Amino acid sequence: MTATVDDLIADGQAALRPASELLGAVPNYLRVPFGPGWALVGDAGYNKDPITAQGISDAFRDAEQCSIAVDNWLSGRMSFDDAFLPWHRERDRKIL
């Protein structure tokens, strides 16, 4: 049985209960951030606890790095995989 906030306060136990009992845990996972014709930036490419509110900051960083990969690929300086794989690895390194 899940206690309501009123029950917890009435019992004087609110401070003793883990927040996860009230809020629930958020599972973390990473998605592959690119493929032919598409790319995911920021929290579109992963899921982690939103309490840090880093999704928009990560989106700006990812968008900049993704645009460099797109330029390197479309200009012919690099193959598709050679342009996007380093961005993928760096993104994973920075968010883990």
Foldseek 3Di string as FASTA:
>chain_A
DQDDPVRCVVVVNPVVDDCCSVVNAWDKDFAQADDVPGGDWFCVGIDDDCPVVCRVVRRVVLVVLVVQLVCCCVVPVDPNCVSCVVSRVVSVVVPD
